[in-house]
Amino acid sequence: MKKMETIMQITAGRGPEECWRVVARVQEILFKEARARGLQVQVLESVAGHLPNTLLSSLILVKGQGTAEFLEQWQGTVQWIAPSPFRKYHKRKNWFVGLQAIDNTQAITWQEQDVVYESMRASGPGGQHVNKTESAVRARHLPSSLTVVASERRSQHQNKSEARERLQEKLRVWHLQQAAQLVRDQWEQHHSLERGNAVRTFTDRL
């Protein structure tokens, strides 16, 4: 059974500003085509360029029936043919960006025994008794060294539960970022070999 949910990354790698623009344009096209097929799309994380309407990279969640089939036509190198909108007399007209599914199957499995909880005194406003009890909780995930603190709730039990939820979310995002960096590194190393094998080609006359 094919997955109905996939995280895709669009990256300019080490490409110039023109490739940053292509990342943003390709994202727009991917969103439009996905929604036309009844798929749900959402930007999870993006890195903006210093020029308007440019992106260095973007992580996109695609969900729905037919997700795998839809993304098969996108995964790989996308070629964008257009004159540079930033350098008027620049001769180059071929720009390349990479799209790749994020493999998060190697993520560290959450296990409660890998988490150390430490009680601590809450600080800040909240009533005269706040600093008299150690109601705040710090949670640390040993395999990743990620740490969170929860102190907003009245009881230590509530703060422990809050800290657990925050740490699980922080670990999920951390895994996603690690996997995304791996994809970027791989594409930067191999994109020059893929230039003659683009999965999609677009022409933009500006």
N, C-alpha and C. Protein backbone atom coordinates (compact mmCIF):
# COMPACT_ATOMS: atom_id res chain seq x y z
N MET A 1 0.84 -1.21 0.00
CA MET A 1 0.00 0.00 0.00
C MET A 1 0.87 1.26 0.00
N LYS A 2 0.60 2.16 -0.93
CA LYS A 2 1.41 3.35 -1.04
C LYS A 2 1.01 4.38 0.02
N LYS A 3 2.00 5.16 0.46
CA LYS A 3 1.74 6.15 1.49
C LYS A 3 0.82 7.25 0.97
N MET A 4 -0.05 7.73 1.85
CA MET A 4 -0.97 8.81 1.51
C MET A 4 -0.50 10.13 2.12
N GLU A 5 0.70 10.14 2.66
CA GLU A 5 1.25 11.35 3.24
C GLU A 5 2.76 11.35 3.03
N THR A 6 3.28 12.41 2.45
CA THR A 6 4.71 12.49 2.16
C THR A 6 5.20 13.91 2.39
N ILE A 7 6.41 14.02 2.92
CA ILE A 7 7.05 15.32 3.07
C ILE A 7 8.07 15.47 1.95
N MET A 8 7.93 16.54 1.19
CA MET A 8 8.83 16.81 0.08
C MET A 8 9.66 18.06 0.39
N GLN A 9 10.88 18.05 -0.10
CA GLN A 9 11.72 19.24 0.01
C GLN A 9 12.03 19.78 -1.38
N ILE A 10 11.89 21.09 -1.53
CA ILE A 10 12.35 21.77 -2.74
C ILE A 10 13.58 22.56 -2.32
N THR A 11 14.69 22.40 -3.02
CA THR A 11 15.90 23.10 -2.61
C THR A 11 16.65 23.68 -3.81
N ALA A 12 17.24 24.84 -3.59
CA ALA A 12 18.09 25.45 -4.61
C ALA A 12 19.53 24.99 -4.45
N GLY A 13 19.80 24.20 -3.40
CA GLY A 13 21.17 23.76 -3.17
C GLY A 13 22.09 24.96 -3.02
N ARG A 14 23.16 24.96 -3.79
CA ARG A 14 24.08 26.10 -3.78
C ARG A 14 23.87 27.00 -4.99
N GLY A 15 22.70 26.89 -5.59
CA GLY A 15 22.40 27.69 -6.77
C GLY A 15 22.27 29.16 -6.45
N PRO A 16 22.39 30.02 -7.47
CA PRO A 16 22.32 31.48 -7.29
C PRO A 16 20.89 31.96 -7.04
N GLU A 17 20.73 33.27 -6.94
CA GLU A 17 19.43 33.88 -6.64
C GLU A 17 18.35 33.46 -7.63
N GLU A 18 18.73 33.24 -8.88
CA GLU A 18 17.73 32.81 -9.87
C GLU A 18 17.10 31.49 -9.47
N CYS A 19 17.91 30.59 -8.89
CA CYS A 19 17.38 29.31 -8.44
C CYS A 19 16.47 29.48 -7.23
N TRP A 20 16.76 30.49 -6.41
CA TRP A 20 15.89 30.77 -5.27
C TRP A 20 14.49 31.15 -5.76
N ARG A 21 14.46 31.95 -6.84
CA ARG A 21 13.17 32.33 -7.42
C ARG A 21 12.44 31.11 -7.96
N VAL A 22 13.19 30.20 -8.56
CA VAL A 22 12.58 28.99 -9.13
C VAL A 22 11.96 28.14 -8.02
N VAL A 23 12.63 28.05 -6.87
CA VAL A 23 12.06 27.28 -5.76
C VAL A 23 10.67 27.81 -5.42
N ALA A 24 10.54 29.13 -5.31
CA ALA A 24 9.26 29.74 -4.99
C ALA A 24 8.22 29.50 -6.08
N ARG A 25 8.63 29.60 -7.34
CA ARG A 25 7.70 29.38 -8.45
C ARG A 25 7.28 27.93 -8.55
N VAL A 26 8.22 27.02 -8.37
CA VAL A 26 7.90 25.59 -8.42
C VAL A 26 6.94 25.22 -7.29
N GLN A 27 7.15 25.82 -6.12
CA GLN A 27 6.24 25.56 -5.00
C GLN A 27 4.81 25.98 -5.37
N GLU A 28 4.67 27.13 -6.00
CA GLU A 28 3.35 27.61 -6.42
C GLU A 28 2.69 26.63 -7.38
N ILE A 29 3.45 26.14 -8.35
CA ILE A 29 2.91 25.22 -9.35
C ILE A 29 2.54 23.90 -8.71
N LEU A 30 3.41 23.39 -7.83
CA LEU A 30 3.13 22.13 -7.15
C LEU A 30 1.85 22.23 -6.33
N PHE A 31 1.69 23.34 -5.60
CA PHE A 31 0.48 23.54 -4.81
C PHE A 31 -0.76 23.55 -5.70
N LYS A 32 -0.68 24.26 -6.81
CA LYS A 32 -1.83 24.37 -7.72
C LYS A 32 -2.21 23.01 -8.29
N GLU A 33 -1.23 22.25 -8.73
CA GLU A 33 -1.50 20.93 -9.31
C GLU A 33 -2.01 19.95 -8.26
N ALA A 34 -1.44 20.02 -7.05
CA ALA A 34 -1.86 19.11 -5.98
C ALA A 34 -3.31 19.36 -5.60
N ARG A 35 -3.67 20.62 -5.44
CA ARG A 35 -5.04 20.96 -5.05
C ARG A 35 -6.03 20.61 -6.16
N ALA A 36 -5.58 20.70 -7.41
CA ALA A 36 -6.45 20.32 -8.53
C ALA A 36 -6.77 18.83 -8.49
N ARG A 37 -5.90 18.05 -7.85
CA ARG A 37 -6.11 16.61 -7.70
C ARG A 37 -6.79 16.25 -6.38
N GLY A 38 -7.16 17.27 -5.64
CA GLY A 38 -7.84 17.02 -4.38
C GLY A 38 -6.91 16.67 -3.23
N LEU A 39 -5.62 16.98 -3.37
CA LEU A 39 -4.65 16.69 -2.32
C LEU A 39 -4.51 17.89 -1.38
N GLN A 40 -4.15 17.61 -0.14
CA GLN A 40 -3.88 18.68 0.83
C GLN A 40 -2.39 18.99 0.82
N VAL A 41 -2.04 20.26 0.80
CA VAL A 41 -0.64 20.67 0.82
C VAL A 41 -0.43 21.74 1.87
N GLN A 42 0.70 21.66 2.53
CA GLN A 42 1.00 22.60 3.61
C GLN A 42 2.50 22.81 3.71
N VAL A 43 2.94 24.06 3.85
CA VAL A 43 4.35 24.37 4.05
C VAL A 43 4.68 24.14 5.52
N LEU A 44 5.61 23.22 5.78
CA LEU A 44 6.03 22.95 7.15
C LEU A 44 7.14 23.88 7.60
N GLU A 45 8.03 24.18 6.68
CA GLU A 45 9.17 25.03 7.00
C GLU A 45 9.75 25.57 5.70
N SER A 46 10.15 26.83 5.69
CA SER A 46 10.78 27.39 4.49
C SER A 46 11.87 28.36 4.90
N VAL A 47 12.86 28.49 4.02
CA VAL A 47 13.96 29.42 4.24
C VAL A 47 13.91 30.46 3.13
N ALA A 48 13.61 31.69 3.49
CA ALA A 48 13.44 32.75 2.50
C ALA A 48 14.79 33.31 2.06
N GLY A 49 14.85 33.71 0.80
CA GLY A 49 16.04 34.39 0.29
C GLY A 49 15.98 35.86 0.65
N HIS A 50 17.06 36.58 0.40
CA HIS A 50 17.08 38.00 0.74
C HIS A 50 16.42 38.87 -0.32
N LEU A 51 16.02 38.25 -1.44
CA LEU A 51 15.30 38.98 -2.49
C LEU A 51 13.81 38.65 -2.39
N PRO A 52 12.93 39.56 -2.81
CA PRO A 52 11.49 39.31 -2.72
C PRO A 52 11.08 38.08 -3.53
N ASN A 53 10.13 37.32 -3.01
CA ASN A 53 9.57 36.15 -3.69
C ASN A 53 10.61 35.10 -4.05
N THR A 54 11.56 34.88 -3.14
CA THR A 54 12.56 33.84 -3.34
C THR A 54 12.64 32.94 -2.11
N LEU A 55 12.98 31.68 -2.34
CA LEU A 55 13.12 30.70 -1.26
C LEU A 55 14.38 29.87 -1.52
N LEU A 56 15.19 29.68 -0.48
CA LEU A 56 16.33 28.79 -0.61
C LEU A 56 15.88 27.34 -0.57
N SER A 57 14.89 27.07 0.27
CA SER A 57 14.34 25.72 0.37
C SER A 57 12.99 25.77 1.03
N SER A 58 12.24 24.67 0.87
CA SER A 58 10.91 24.59 1.46
C SER A 58 10.57 23.14 1.73
N LEU A 59 9.98 22.88 2.89
CA LEU A 59 9.48 21.55 3.23
C LEU A 59 7.97 21.57 3.12
N ILE A 60 7.42 20.63 2.35
CA ILE A 60 6.00 20.61 2.06
C ILE A 60 5.40 19.27 2.43
N LEU A 61 4.29 19.31 3.16
CA LEU A 61 3.55 18.10 3.48
C LEU A 61 2.44 17.93 2.45
N VAL A 62 2.40 16.76 1.81
CA VAL A 62 1.37 16.45 0.82
C VAL A 62 0.58 15.26 1.33
N LYS A 63 -0.75 15.40 1.39
CA LYS A 63 -1.60 14.35 1.94
C LYS A 63 -2.78 14.07 1.02
N GLY A 64 -3.22 12.81 1.02
CA GLY A 64 -4.42 12.46 0.28
C GLY A 64 -4.23 11.24 -0.60
N GLN A 65 -5.34 10.75 -1.11
CA GLN A 65 -5.32 9.60 -2.01
C GLN A 65 -4.61 9.95 -3.31
N GLY A 66 -3.60 9.18 -3.66
CA GLY A 66 -2.85 9.44 -4.88
C GLY A 66 -1.62 10.31 -4.68
N THR A 67 -1.24 10.53 -3.41
CA THR A 67 -0.06 11.36 -3.13
C THR A 67 1.20 10.80 -3.77
N ALA A 68 1.43 9.50 -3.60
CA ALA A 68 2.65 8.89 -4.13
C ALA A 68 2.73 9.02 -5.64
N GLU A 69 1.62 8.75 -6.32
CA GLU A 69 1.60 8.83 -7.78
C GLU A 69 1.84 10.27 -8.25
N PHE A 70 1.24 11.21 -7.56
CA PHE A 70 1.41 12.62 -7.92
C PHE A 70 2.86 13.06 -7.79
N LEU A 71 3.50 12.67 -6.70
CA LEU A 71 4.86 13.13 -6.44
C LEU A 71 5.91 12.42 -7.29
N GLU A 72 5.55 11.30 -7.90
CA GLU A 72 6.50 10.60 -8.78
C GLU A 72 6.92 11.50 -9.94
N GLN A 73 6.02 12.36 -10.40
CA GLN A 73 6.34 13.24 -11.53
C GLN A 73 7.15 14.46 -11.12
N TRP A 74 7.35 14.63 -9.81
CA TRP A 74 8.10 15.78 -9.31
C TRP A 74 9.46 15.41 -8.76
N GLN A 75 9.62 14.21 -8.28
CA GLN A 75 10.85 13.87 -7.57
C GLN A 75 12.05 13.80 -8.51
N GLY A 76 13.06 14.60 -8.19
CA GLY A 76 14.26 14.67 -9.01
C GLY A 76 14.65 16.12 -9.26
N THR A 77 15.20 16.39 -10.43
CA THR A 77 15.64 17.74 -10.79
C THR A 77 14.62 18.40 -11.71
N VAL A 78 14.29 19.65 -11.41
CA VAL A 78 13.38 20.44 -12.24
C VAL A 78 14.20 21.52 -12.95
N GLN A 79 14.00 21.62 -14.25
CA GLN A 79 14.70 22.62 -15.06
C GLN A 79 13.76 23.79 -15.35
N TRP A 80 14.28 24.98 -15.14
CA TRP A 80 13.49 26.20 -15.38
C TRP A 80 14.25 27.04 -16.40
N ILE A 81 13.63 27.27 -17.56
CA ILE A 81 14.27 28.01 -18.64
C ILE A 81 13.72 29.43 -18.66
N ALA A 82 14.57 30.39 -18.35
CA ALA A 82 14.14 31.79 -18.31
C ALA A 82 15.36 32.70 -18.21
N PRO A 83 15.27 33.90 -18.77
CA PRO A 83 16.37 34.87 -18.55
C PRO A 83 16.39 35.29 -17.10
N SER A 84 17.53 35.71 -16.62
CA SER A 84 17.64 36.14 -15.23
C SER A 84 16.86 37.43 -14.99
N PRO A 85 15.99 37.45 -13.97
CA PRO A 85 15.28 38.68 -13.64
C PRO A 85 16.13 39.61 -12.77
N PHE A 86 17.28 39.15 -12.35
CA PHE A 86 18.13 39.91 -11.43
C PHE A 86 19.39 40.46 -12.10
N ARG A 87 19.84 39.77 -13.16
CA ARG A 87 21.06 40.19 -13.85
C ARG A 87 20.72 40.35 -15.33
N LYS A 88 20.51 41.59 -15.75
CA LYS A 88 19.94 41.90 -17.07
C LYS A 88 20.72 41.30 -18.22
N TYR A 89 22.05 41.33 -18.17
CA TYR A 89 22.83 40.87 -19.32
C TYR A 89 23.46 39.49 -19.09
N HIS A 90 22.97 38.78 -18.10
CA HIS A 90 23.50 37.44 -17.83
C HIS A 90 23.03 36.48 -18.92
N LYS A 91 23.95 35.70 -19.47
CA LYS A 91 23.63 34.85 -20.61
C LYS A 91 22.92 33.55 -20.23
N ARG A 92 23.14 33.09 -19.01
CA ARG A 92 22.56 31.81 -18.62
C ARG A 92 21.04 31.88 -18.53
N LYS A 93 20.37 30.84 -19.06
CA LYS A 93 18.91 30.79 -19.03
C LYS A 93 18.37 29.49 -18.45
N ASN A 94 19.24 28.59 -18.06
CA ASN A 94 18.81 27.30 -17.50
C ASN A 94 19.14 27.26 -16.01
N TRP A 95 18.09 27.05 -15.20
CA TRP A 95 18.24 27.03 -13.74
C TRP A 95 17.66 25.72 -13.22
N PHE A 96 18.28 25.17 -12.18
CA PHE A 96 17.88 23.86 -11.70
C PHE A 96 17.63 23.87 -10.19
N VAL A 97 16.57 23.19 -9.80
CA VAL A 97 16.29 22.98 -8.37
C VAL A 97 15.97 21.49 -8.18
N GLY A 98 16.08 21.04 -6.94
CA GLY A 98 15.84 19.64 -6.65
C GLY A 98 14.62 19.43 -5.78
N LEU A 99 13.88 18.35 -6.06
CA LEU A 99 12.75 17.94 -5.22
C LEU A 99 12.97 16.50 -4.78
N GLN A 100 12.81 16.27 -3.50
CA GLN A 100 13.08 14.94 -2.97
C GLN A 100 12.18 14.66 -1.78
N ALA A 101 11.71 13.42 -1.69
CA ALA A 101 10.92 13.01 -0.53
C ALA A 101 11.85 12.87 0.67
N ILE A 102 11.36 13.25 1.84
CA ILE A 102 12.14 13.15 3.07
C ILE A 102 11.88 11.79 3.69
N ASP A 103 12.94 11.02 3.89
CA ASP A 103 12.83 9.72 4.54
C ASP A 103 13.06 9.89 6.04
N ASN A 104 11.98 9.79 6.79
CA ASN A 104 12.09 9.95 8.24
C ASN A 104 11.97 8.61 8.96
N THR A 105 12.17 7.52 8.23
CA THR A 105 12.02 6.20 8.84
C THR A 105 13.17 5.86 9.78
N GLN A 106 14.28 6.60 9.66
CA GLN A 106 15.42 6.34 10.53
C GLN A 106 15.35 7.15 11.83
N ALA A 107 14.23 7.81 12.06
CA ALA A 107 14.09 8.63 13.25
C ALA A 107 14.20 7.79 14.51
N ILE A 108 14.73 8.41 15.55
CA ILE A 108 14.84 7.73 16.83
C ILE A 108 13.44 7.47 17.38
N THR A 109 13.14 6.25 17.73
CA THR A 109 11.83 5.90 18.26
C THR A 109 11.68 6.47 19.67
N TRP A 110 10.54 7.09 19.91
CA TRP A 110 10.29 7.66 21.24
C TRP A 110 10.15 6.56 22.27
N GLN A 111 10.95 6.64 23.29
CA GLN A 111 10.86 5.70 24.40
C GLN A 111 10.95 6.51 25.70
N GLU A 112 9.98 6.27 26.56
CA GLU A 112 9.90 7.06 27.79
C GLU A 112 11.16 6.92 28.65
N GLN A 113 11.80 5.75 28.60
CA GLN A 113 13.00 5.54 29.42
C GLN A 113 14.19 6.36 28.94
N ASP A 114 14.09 6.96 27.75
CA ASP A 114 15.17 7.81 27.25
C ASP A 114 15.04 9.25 27.73
N VAL A 115 14.00 9.54 28.50
CA VAL A 115 13.73 10.91 28.94
C VAL A 115 13.99 11.04 30.44
N VAL A 116 14.72 12.08 30.80
CA VAL A 116 14.99 12.38 32.21
C VAL A 116 14.19 13.63 32.58
N TYR A 117 13.38 13.52 33.64
CA TYR A 117 12.59 14.64 34.13
C TYR A 117 13.22 15.19 35.41
N GLU A 118 13.28 16.51 35.48
CA GLU A 118 13.87 17.15 36.65
C GLU A 118 12.94 18.26 37.13
N SER A 119 12.58 18.21 38.40
CA SER A 119 11.72 19.26 38.95
C SER A 119 12.56 20.48 39.28
N MET A 120 11.95 21.64 39.18
CA MET A 120 12.65 22.89 39.44
C MET A 120 11.66 23.95 39.87
N ARG A 121 12.14 24.97 40.52
CA ARG A 121 11.25 26.03 40.98
C ARG A 121 10.77 26.87 39.81
N ALA A 122 9.47 27.11 39.82
CA ALA A 122 8.90 28.00 38.80
C ALA A 122 9.31 29.42 39.12
N SER A 123 9.33 30.27 38.10
CA SER A 123 9.71 31.67 38.29
C SER A 123 8.72 32.56 37.59
N GLY A 124 8.72 33.83 37.99
CA GLY A 124 7.84 34.79 37.34
C GLY A 124 6.52 34.92 38.06
N PRO A 125 5.59 35.73 37.53
CA PRO A 125 4.30 35.97 38.17
C PRO A 125 3.44 34.72 38.20
N GLY A 126 2.48 34.70 39.09
CA GLY A 126 1.59 33.56 39.15
C GLY A 126 1.05 33.31 40.53
N GLY A 127 1.26 34.20 41.47
CA GLY A 127 0.72 34.00 42.82
C GLY A 127 1.82 33.86 43.84
N GLN A 128 1.45 34.04 45.09
CA GLN A 128 2.45 34.07 46.15
C GLN A 128 3.11 32.73 46.42
N HIS A 129 2.44 31.62 46.02
CA HIS A 129 3.00 30.30 46.33
C HIS A 129 3.86 29.73 45.20
N VAL A 130 3.98 30.44 44.08
CA VAL A 130 4.65 29.90 42.89
C VAL A 130 6.07 29.47 43.19
N ASN A 131 6.84 30.28 43.87
CA ASN A 131 8.25 29.98 44.09
C ASN A 131 8.51 29.10 45.32
N LYS A 132 7.45 28.69 45.99
CA LYS A 132 7.63 27.88 47.19
C LYS A 132 7.65 26.38 46.88
N THR A 133 7.18 25.99 45.73
CA THR A 133 7.16 24.57 45.36
C THR A 133 7.90 24.37 44.04
N GLU A 134 8.46 23.19 43.85
CA GLU A 134 9.17 22.88 42.62
C GLU A 134 8.19 22.27 41.62
N SER A 135 7.35 23.14 41.06
CA SER A 135 6.30 22.66 40.17
C SER A 135 6.73 22.61 38.71
N ALA A 136 7.75 23.38 38.34
CA ALA A 136 8.23 23.37 36.95
C ALA A 136 8.98 22.07 36.67
N VAL A 137 8.99 21.69 35.40
CA VAL A 137 9.64 20.43 35.01
C VAL A 137 10.51 20.65 33.78
N ARG A 138 11.75 20.17 33.87
CA ARG A 138 12.64 20.15 32.73
C ARG A 138 12.72 18.71 32.23
N ALA A 139 12.54 18.53 30.91
CA ALA A 139 12.62 17.20 30.32
C ALA A 139 13.76 17.17 29.31
N ARG A 140 14.61 16.14 29.40
CA ARG A 140 15.74 16.03 28.50
C ARG A 140 15.74 14.65 27.84
N HIS A 141 15.82 14.67 26.49
CA HIS A 141 15.85 13.43 25.72
C HIS A 141 17.30 13.02 25.53
N LEU A 142 17.71 11.95 26.16
CA LEU A 142 19.12 11.58 26.20
C LEU A 142 19.75 11.31 24.84
N PRO A 143 19.12 10.52 23.94
CA PRO A 143 19.77 10.23 22.65
C PRO A 143 20.05 11.46 21.80
N SER A 144 19.18 12.48 21.89
CA SER A 144 19.35 13.67 21.05
C SER A 144 19.84 14.88 21.81
N SER A 145 19.81 14.83 23.15
CA SER A 145 20.20 15.94 24.02
C SER A 145 19.25 17.14 23.92
N LEU A 146 18.07 16.93 23.38
CA LEU A 146 17.09 18.01 23.30
C LEU A 146 16.47 18.22 24.68
N THR A 147 16.18 19.49 25.02
CA THR A 147 15.64 19.82 26.33
C THR A 147 14.50 20.83 26.21
N VAL A 148 13.49 20.66 27.04
CA VAL A 148 12.39 21.61 27.12
C VAL A 148 12.06 21.86 28.59
N VAL A 149 11.40 22.96 28.87
CA VAL A 149 10.96 23.28 30.22
C VAL A 149 9.49 23.67 30.17
N ALA A 150 8.70 23.15 31.13
CA ALA A 150 7.30 23.52 31.26
C ALA A 150 7.06 24.04 32.67
N SER A 151 6.49 25.22 32.78
CA SER A 151 6.28 25.81 34.11
C SER A 151 4.97 26.57 34.23
N GLU A 152 4.16 26.52 33.19
CA GLU A 152 2.94 27.33 33.17
C GLU A 152 1.82 26.76 34.01
N ARG A 153 1.80 25.45 34.19
CA ARG A 153 0.71 24.82 34.93
C ARG A 153 0.93 24.88 36.43
N ARG A 154 -0.15 24.66 37.19
CA ARG A 154 -0.09 24.74 38.65
C ARG A 154 0.65 23.57 39.28
N SER A 155 0.38 22.37 38.76
CA SER A 155 0.95 21.19 39.41
C SER A 155 2.14 20.64 38.63
N GLN A 156 2.98 19.92 39.35
CA GLN A 156 4.13 19.29 38.71
C GLN A 156 3.68 18.23 37.72
N HIS A 157 2.62 17.52 38.05
CA HIS A 157 2.10 16.48 37.16
C HIS A 157 1.66 17.07 35.81
N GLN A 158 0.97 18.21 35.88
CA GLN A 158 0.52 18.86 34.64
C GLN A 158 1.71 19.37 33.83
N ASN A 159 2.69 19.93 34.52
CA ASN A 159 3.87 20.43 33.81
C ASN A 159 4.68 19.30 33.20
N LYS A 160 4.71 18.15 33.87
CA LYS A 160 5.42 17.00 33.31
C LYS A 160 4.77 16.54 32.03
N SER A 161 3.44 16.49 32.03
CA SER A 161 2.71 16.10 30.83
C SER A 161 2.94 17.09 29.70
N GLU A 162 2.94 18.38 30.04
CA GLU A 162 3.19 19.43 29.05
C GLU A 162 4.61 19.32 28.49
N ALA A 163 5.57 19.06 29.36
CA ALA A 163 6.97 18.93 28.93
C ALA A 163 7.13 17.74 28.00
N ARG A 164 6.45 16.64 28.29
CA ARG A 164 6.53 15.46 27.44
C ARG A 164 6.02 15.76 26.03
N GLU A 165 4.89 16.45 25.95
CA GLU A 165 4.31 16.78 24.64
C GLU A 165 5.24 17.72 23.86
N ARG A 166 5.80 18.70 24.55
CA ARG A 166 6.71 19.65 23.88
C ARG A 166 7.96 18.95 23.38
N LEU A 167 8.46 18.03 24.19
CA LEU A 167 9.69 17.33 23.81
C LEU A 167 9.44 16.41 22.62
N GLN A 168 8.29 15.76 22.58
CA GLN A 168 7.95 14.90 21.44
C GLN A 168 7.86 15.71 20.16
N GLU A 169 7.26 16.88 20.24
CA GLU A 169 7.14 17.74 19.07
C GLU A 169 8.50 18.27 18.64
N LYS A 170 9.32 18.66 19.62
CA LYS A 170 10.65 19.17 19.32
C LYS A 170 11.51 18.09 18.67
N LEU A 171 11.36 16.85 19.13
CA LEU A 171 12.10 15.74 18.55
C LEU A 171 11.65 15.47 17.12
N ARG A 172 10.33 15.58 16.88
CA ARG A 172 9.81 15.37 15.52
C ARG A 172 10.39 16.41 14.56
N VAL A 173 10.39 17.67 14.98
CA VAL A 173 10.93 18.74 14.14
C VAL A 173 12.43 18.56 13.93
N TRP A 174 13.13 18.16 14.97
CA TRP A 174 14.58 17.94 14.87
C TRP A 174 14.90 16.85 13.85
N HIS A 175 14.15 15.75 13.90
CA HIS A 175 14.36 14.68 12.92
C HIS A 175 14.10 15.17 11.50
N LEU A 176 13.06 15.97 11.35
CA LEU A 176 12.73 16.51 10.04
C LEU A 176 13.84 17.39 9.52
N GLN A 177 14.38 18.23 10.36
CA GLN A 177 15.48 19.11 9.96
C GLN A 177 16.73 18.33 9.60
N GLN A 178 17.03 17.27 10.36
CA GLN A 178 18.19 16.44 10.07
C GLN A 178 18.04 15.75 8.73
N ALA A 179 16.84 15.21 8.48
CA ALA A 179 16.60 14.53 7.21
C ALA A 179 16.66 15.51 6.05
N ALA A 180 16.12 16.71 6.25
CA ALA A 180 16.14 17.73 5.20
C ALA A 180 17.57 18.15 4.86
N GLN A 181 18.41 18.29 5.87
CA GLN A 181 19.80 18.66 5.64
C GLN A 181 20.52 17.58 4.84
N LEU A 182 20.20 16.32 5.14
CA LEU A 182 20.81 15.22 4.40
C LEU A 182 20.41 15.26 2.93
N VAL A 183 19.14 15.54 2.68
CA VAL A 183 18.66 15.64 1.29
C VAL A 183 19.36 16.79 0.57
N ARG A 184 19.49 17.94 1.25
CA ARG A 184 20.17 19.09 0.63
C ARG A 184 21.61 18.74 0.28
N ASP A 185 22.31 18.10 1.22
CA ASP A 185 23.71 17.74 0.98
C ASP A 185 23.84 16.78 -0.20
N GLN A 186 22.95 15.81 -0.25
CA GLN A 186 23.00 14.83 -1.35
C GLN A 186 22.73 15.49 -2.68
N TRP A 187 21.74 16.39 -2.72
CA TRP A 187 21.41 17.02 -3.99
C TRP A 187 22.52 17.95 -4.44
N GLU A 188 23.16 18.66 -3.51
CA GLU A 188 24.25 19.55 -3.87
C GLU A 188 25.42 18.77 -4.47
N GLN A 189 25.64 17.55 -3.99
CA GLN A 189 26.73 16.73 -4.49
C GLN A 189 26.45 16.15 -5.88
N HIS A 190 25.16 15.92 -6.17
CA HIS A 190 24.85 15.18 -7.39
C HIS A 190 24.03 15.96 -8.42
N HIS A 191 23.62 17.18 -8.11
CA HIS A 191 22.70 17.86 -9.02
C HIS A 191 23.31 18.12 -10.38
N SER A 192 24.62 18.31 -10.46
CA SER A 192 25.26 18.57 -11.75
C SER A 192 25.13 17.37 -12.68
N LEU A 193 25.06 16.17 -12.10
CA LEU A 193 24.91 14.96 -12.91
C LEU A 193 23.48 14.79 -13.41
N GLU A 194 22.54 15.45 -12.72
CA GLU A 194 21.13 15.28 -13.06
C GLU A 194 20.60 16.35 -14.01
N ARG A 195 21.45 17.29 -14.38
CA ARG A 195 20.95 18.39 -15.20
C ARG A 195 20.40 17.94 -16.54
N GLY A 196 20.93 16.86 -17.07
CA GLY A 196 20.44 16.38 -18.35
C GLY A 196 19.29 15.41 -18.22
N ASN A 197 18.77 15.25 -17.00
CA ASN A 197 17.72 14.27 -16.76
C ASN A 197 16.63 14.87 -15.90
N ALA A 198 16.16 16.05 -16.28
CA ALA A 198 15.14 16.75 -15.50
C ALA A 198 13.79 16.02 -15.58
N VAL A 199 13.09 15.92 -14.45
CA VAL A 199 11.79 15.26 -14.44
C VAL A 199 10.69 16.19 -14.93
N ARG A 200 10.90 17.50 -14.77
CA ARG A 200 9.97 18.49 -15.27
C ARG A 200 10.77 19.66 -15.82
N THR A 201 10.26 20.27 -16.90
CA THR A 201 10.90 21.44 -17.50
C THR A 201 9.86 22.52 -17.72
N PHE A 202 10.18 23.72 -17.29
CA PHE A 202 9.27 24.86 -17.47
C PHE A 202 10.00 25.98 -18.21
N THR A 203 9.23 26.69 -19.05
CA THR A 203 9.78 27.85 -19.76
C THR A 203 9.05 29.08 -19.30
N ASP A 204 9.81 30.07 -18.89
CA ASP A 204 9.23 31.33 -18.38
C ASP A 204 9.87 32.48 -19.14
N ARG A 205 9.09 33.18 -19.90
CA ARG A 205 9.62 34.28 -20.74
C ARG A 205 9.69 35.58 -19.95
N LEU A 206 9.21 35.58 -18.70
CA LEU A 206 9.21 36.79 -17.88
C LEU A 206 8.54 37.91 -18.69
